[in-house]
Amino acid sequence: TGVSGAQESDFQGVRIYTSTGTGTHEVNGAILGKYVAAGGPLAAGLPTSDEILVPGNAAGRMNTFTNNANIYWSPWTGAHIVYGDILTKYLAIGGAGVYGFPATDVYSVPGVAGAEECDLQYARIYNSAATGGAHEVHGAILSKYLASGGPQARGLPKTDESTPAGIPSARMNDFERAQIYWSPGTGAHIVYGAILDKYKALTANSTDYSVFGLPTTDE
């Protein structure tokens, strides 16, 4: 395996790995194909589980690995590897039971140095040191974000989706160069530049978005 103290046996469509620290576990099928393509034990580490049902969404299968990596498979998305801070965020926000299966591996954000993302069925998770780690964007706010240029135009998310103070029915994400707000009555709208600076100053002074209300248009 190239990993000290570990052994493997290869079968038709299945590999079995064993070590004192992880025990003996099998990897098979599409998950095995993804594991090998991603670098196998040297990259993802050794399996710490057999193939199991995905918690919260039993339509899929998964294996867990020692290097903070999981590989997920579903009939709709195929097999994809998620690891590091993005995996930690994915699990913290509810995993496949809330945001669906990964539709991509973790990959570098095009045109944004030092950033990575993973696309889920119902959300995206972005990660960079510059923005404080991994943050998720989903729903109408994600659609607005992508339509307005995504990371290349608006920067990376600096927060998960949160509730603006004073408007419990509304949601917002803070990005490096914009904010996007959503409510049932207004839909999702983006604010940026000097207008955002003024809006933030007004809401900071009041500490309550309900004083000025939410944007009802984009700029």
Protein backbone atom coordinates (compact mmCIF):
# COMPACT_ATOMS: atom_id res chain seq x y z
CA THR A 1 0.00 0.00 0.00
CA GLY A 2 2.97 2.31 0.53
CA VAL A 3 1.70 2.92 4.08
CA SER A 4 3.85 1.54 6.90
CA GLY A 5 2.18 -1.24 8.85
CA ALA A 6 -0.67 -1.71 6.36
CA GLN A 7 -1.45 -4.51 3.93
CA GLU A 8 -3.91 -5.02 1.12
CA SER A 9 -5.35 -7.86 -0.95
CA ASP A 10 -6.81 -7.32 -4.40
CA PHE A 11 -9.87 -9.23 -5.66
CA GLN A 12 -12.07 -8.82 -8.72
CA GLY A 13 -13.68 -5.42 -8.09
CA VAL A 14 -12.74 -5.34 -4.41
CA ARG A 15 -9.72 -4.44 -2.30
CA ILE A 16 -9.30 -5.27 1.35
CA TYR A 17 -6.98 -3.16 3.52
CA THR A 18 -5.79 -3.98 7.00
CA SER A 19 -3.71 -2.26 9.66
CA THR A 20 -3.50 -2.34 13.43
CA GLY A 21 -4.87 1.17 13.69
CA THR A 22 -7.83 0.82 11.33
CA GLY A 23 -8.73 -2.86 11.35
CA THR A 24 -9.74 -4.69 8.17
CA HIS A 25 -12.07 -3.01 5.68
CA GLU A 26 -13.14 -3.44 2.08
CA VAL A 27 -13.53 -0.91 -0.73
CA ASN A 28 -15.32 -1.87 -3.93
CA GLY A 29 -17.01 -0.75 -7.12
CA ALA A 30 -17.19 2.91 -8.09
CA ILE A 31 -15.94 4.01 -4.68
CA LEU A 32 -12.82 1.90 -5.16
CA GLY A 33 -12.32 3.41 -8.61
CA LYS A 34 -12.52 6.93 -7.16
CA TYR A 35 -10.23 5.99 -4.25
CA VAL A 36 -7.52 4.70 -6.57
CA ALA A 37 -7.88 7.68 -8.94
CA ALA A 38 -7.58 10.10 -6.00
CA GLY A 39 -4.29 8.56 -4.88
CA GLY A 40 -5.42 5.66 -2.73
CA PRO A 41 -3.89 5.14 0.73
CA LEU A 42 -1.11 7.68 0.15
CA ALA A 43 -3.64 10.49 -0.41
CA ALA A 44 -6.89 9.59 1.33
CA GLY A 45 -5.43 7.24 3.91
CA LEU A 46 -6.69 3.79 4.79
CA PRO A 47 -10.39 2.91 4.97
CA THR A 48 -11.87 3.10 8.46
CA SER A 49 -15.17 1.53 7.42
CA ASP A 50 -16.53 -0.98 4.95
CA GLU A 51 -18.93 0.41 2.36
CA ILE A 52 -21.92 1.61 4.37
CA LEU A 53 -25.25 3.35 3.84
CA VAL A 54 -24.97 7.15 3.90
CA PRO A 55 -26.43 8.53 7.16
CA GLY A 56 -29.53 10.56 6.44
CA ASN A 57 -29.85 9.38 2.83
CA ALA A 58 -29.76 5.61 2.47
CA ALA A 59 -30.01 5.85 -1.33
CA GLY A 60 -26.22 6.27 -1.36
CA ARG A 61 -23.12 4.44 -0.19
CA MET A 62 -19.86 5.65 1.33
CA ASN A 63 -16.49 4.71 2.81
CA THR A 64 -14.59 6.73 5.40
CA PHE A 65 -10.79 7.08 5.37
CA THR A 66 -8.11 8.10 7.85
CA ASN A 67 -7.00 11.38 6.23
CA ASN A 68 -10.30 13.16 7.00
CA ALA A 69 -11.72 11.98 3.69
CA ASN A 70 -15.00 10.33 2.71
CA ILE A 71 -16.02 8.97 -0.68
CA TYR A 72 -19.74 9.07 -1.47
CA TRP A 73 -21.67 7.32 -4.23
CA SER A 74 -25.27 7.67 -5.38
CA PRO A 75 -27.10 6.62 -8.55
CA TRP A 76 -27.56 10.32 -9.47
CA THR A 77 -24.10 11.72 -8.77
CA GLY A 78 -21.64 8.84 -9.10
CA ALA A 79 -18.64 8.58 -6.78
CA HIS A 80 -16.91 11.69 -5.40
CA ILE A 81 -14.31 12.37 -2.74
CA VAL A 82 -14.73 15.06 -0.08
CA TYR A 83 -12.01 15.89 2.42
CA GLY A 84 -10.48 18.40 4.80
CA ASP A 85 -12.34 21.52 5.94
CA ILE A 86 -15.00 21.05 3.28
CA LEU A 87 -15.84 17.58 4.61
CA THR A 88 -15.98 18.92 8.15
CA LYS A 89 -18.42 21.66 7.05
CA TYR A 90 -20.50 19.21 4.99
CA LEU A 91 -20.99 16.95 7.99
CA ALA A 92 -21.64 19.88 10.35
CA ILE A 93 -24.51 21.24 8.22
CA GLY A 94 -26.23 17.88 7.91
CA GLY A 95 -24.45 16.07 5.08
CA ALA A 96 -26.40 14.14 2.47
CA GLY A 97 -29.57 14.19 4.56
CA VAL A 98 -29.88 17.98 4.14
CA TYR A 99 -27.89 19.08 1.07
CA GLY A 100 -27.73 15.88 -0.95
CA PHE A 101 -24.74 14.00 -2.28
CA PRO A 102 -21.52 15.54 -3.60
CA ALA A 103 -21.84 16.13 -7.34
CA THR A 104 -18.11 16.85 -7.73
CA ASP A 105 -14.88 16.07 -5.96
CA VAL A 106 -13.27 18.92 -4.04
CA TYR A 107 -11.62 21.09 -6.70
CA SER A 108 -9.78 24.41 -7.03
CA VAL A 109 -12.01 27.44 -7.63
CA PRO A 110 -11.21 28.67 -11.17
CA GLY A 111 -9.42 31.99 -11.12
CA VAL A 112 -9.29 32.27 -7.31
CA ALA A 113 -5.90 31.42 -5.82
CA GLY A 114 -5.86 29.34 -2.67
CA ALA A 115 -9.58 28.49 -2.78
CA GLU A 116 -11.41 25.21 -3.24
CA GLU A 117 -15.01 24.12 -3.50
CA CYS A 118 -17.29 21.13 -3.67
CA ASP A 119 -20.65 21.17 -5.46
CA LEU A 120 -23.45 19.29 -3.73
CA GLN A 121 -26.87 18.47 -5.12
CA TYR A 122 -28.47 21.36 -3.22
CA ALA A 123 -25.58 23.58 -2.11
CA ARG A 124 -21.95 24.53 -2.66
CA ILE A 125 -19.20 24.69 -0.07
CA TYR A 126 -16.25 27.05 -0.60
CA ASN A 127 -13.06 27.01 1.44
CA SER A 128 -10.11 29.38 1.76
CA ALA A 129 -7.84 30.63 4.54
CA ALA A 130 -8.55 34.21 3.47
CA THR A 131 -12.26 33.91 4.30
CA GLY A 132 -11.94 32.01 7.54
CA GLY A 133 -12.38 28.46 6.29
CA ALA A 134 -15.30 26.62 4.73
CA HIS A 135 -18.74 28.21 4.18
CA GLU A 136 -21.88 26.98 2.46
CA VAL A 137 -24.24 28.71 0.04
CA HIS A 138 -27.55 27.22 -1.07
CA GLY A 139 -31.01 27.83 -2.46
CA ALA A 140 -32.03 31.15 -4.00
CA ILE A 141 -28.95 32.90 -2.61
CA LEU A 142 -26.69 30.41 -4.40
CA SER A 143 -28.62 30.91 -7.64
CA LYS A 144 -28.24 34.70 -7.35
CA TYR A 145 -24.54 34.35 -6.48
CA LEU A 146 -23.79 32.25 -9.53
CA ALA A 147 -25.92 34.41 -11.83
CA SER A 148 -24.07 37.54 -10.69
CA GLY A 149 -20.63 36.09 -11.41
CA GLY A 150 -19.88 33.80 -8.46
CA PRO A 151 -16.44 33.78 -6.83
CA GLN A 152 -14.72 35.51 -9.72
CA ALA A 153 -16.97 38.58 -9.51
CA ARG A 154 -18.21 38.65 -5.92
CA GLY A 155 -15.48 36.85 -4.04
CA LEU A 156 -15.88 33.88 -1.74
CA PRO A 157 -18.48 33.55 1.02
CA LYS A 158 -17.31 34.76 4.42
CA THR A 159 -20.30 33.28 6.28
CA ASP A 160 -22.77 30.47 6.05
CA GLU A 161 -26.36 31.48 5.42
CA SER A 162 -27.56 33.47 8.44
CA THR A 163 -30.56 35.52 9.60
CA PRO A 164 -30.38 39.34 9.38
CA ALA A 165 -31.03 40.89 12.79
CA GLY A 166 -34.65 41.94 13.19
CA ILE A 167 -36.02 39.98 10.21
CA PRO A 168 -36.35 36.33 11.31
CA SER A 169 -37.96 35.23 8.04
CA ALA A 170 -35.02 36.48 5.95
CA ARG A 171 -31.63 34.97 5.10
CA MET A 172 -28.30 36.39 3.93
CA ASN A 173 -24.74 35.46 2.96
CA ASP A 174 -21.78 37.80 3.28
CA PHE A 175 -19.24 37.59 0.44
CA GLU A 176 -15.87 39.28 -0.02
CA ARG A 177 -17.32 41.86 -2.41
CA ALA A 178 -21.09 41.66 -1.94
CA GLN A 179 -23.97 40.62 0.25
CA ILE A 180 -27.02 38.69 -0.91
CA TYR A 181 -30.31 38.86 0.96
CA TRP A 182 -33.43 36.70 0.58
CA SER A 183 -36.90 36.76 2.08
CA PRO A 184 -40.22 35.22 1.02
CA GLY A 185 -41.55 38.67 0.14
CA THR A 186 -38.54 40.07 -1.73
CA GLY A 187 -36.71 37.10 -3.22
CA ALA A 188 -32.91 37.11 -3.50
CA HIS A 189 -31.07 40.33 -4.32
CA ILE A 190 -27.42 41.34 -4.37
CA VAL A 191 -25.91 44.56 -2.98
CA TYR A 192 -22.29 45.60 -3.54
CA GLY A 193 -19.86 48.50 -3.87
CA ALA A 194 -20.64 51.96 -2.50
CA ILE A 195 -24.33 51.11 -2.09
CA LEU A 196 -23.42 48.13 0.08
CA ASP A 197 -21.05 50.30 2.12
CA LYS A 198 -23.89 52.76 2.81
CA TYR A 199 -26.40 49.99 3.57
CA LYS A 200 -23.98 48.32 5.98
CA ALA A 201 -23.31 51.63 7.70
CA LEU A 202 -27.03 52.26 8.16
CA THR A 203 -27.77 48.78 9.47
CA ALA A 204 -24.70 48.83 11.71
CA ASN A 205 -25.92 52.05 13.30
CA SER A 206 -29.36 50.60 13.91
CA THR A 207 -28.18 47.00 14.58
CA ASP A 208 -31.49 45.99 13.07
CA TYR A 209 -32.20 45.40 9.36
CA SER A 210 -35.93 45.89 9.90
CA VAL A 211 -35.40 49.67 10.25
CA PHE A 212 -34.46 50.03 6.56
CA GLY A 213 -35.79 46.76 5.25
CA LEU A 214 -34.31 44.36 2.71
CA PRO A 215 -33.36 45.16 -0.89
CA THR A 216 -36.22 44.61 -3.32
CA THR A 217 -34.02 44.85 -6.43
CA ASP A 218 -30.45 44.16 -7.46
CA GLU A 219 -28.39 47.23 -8.23
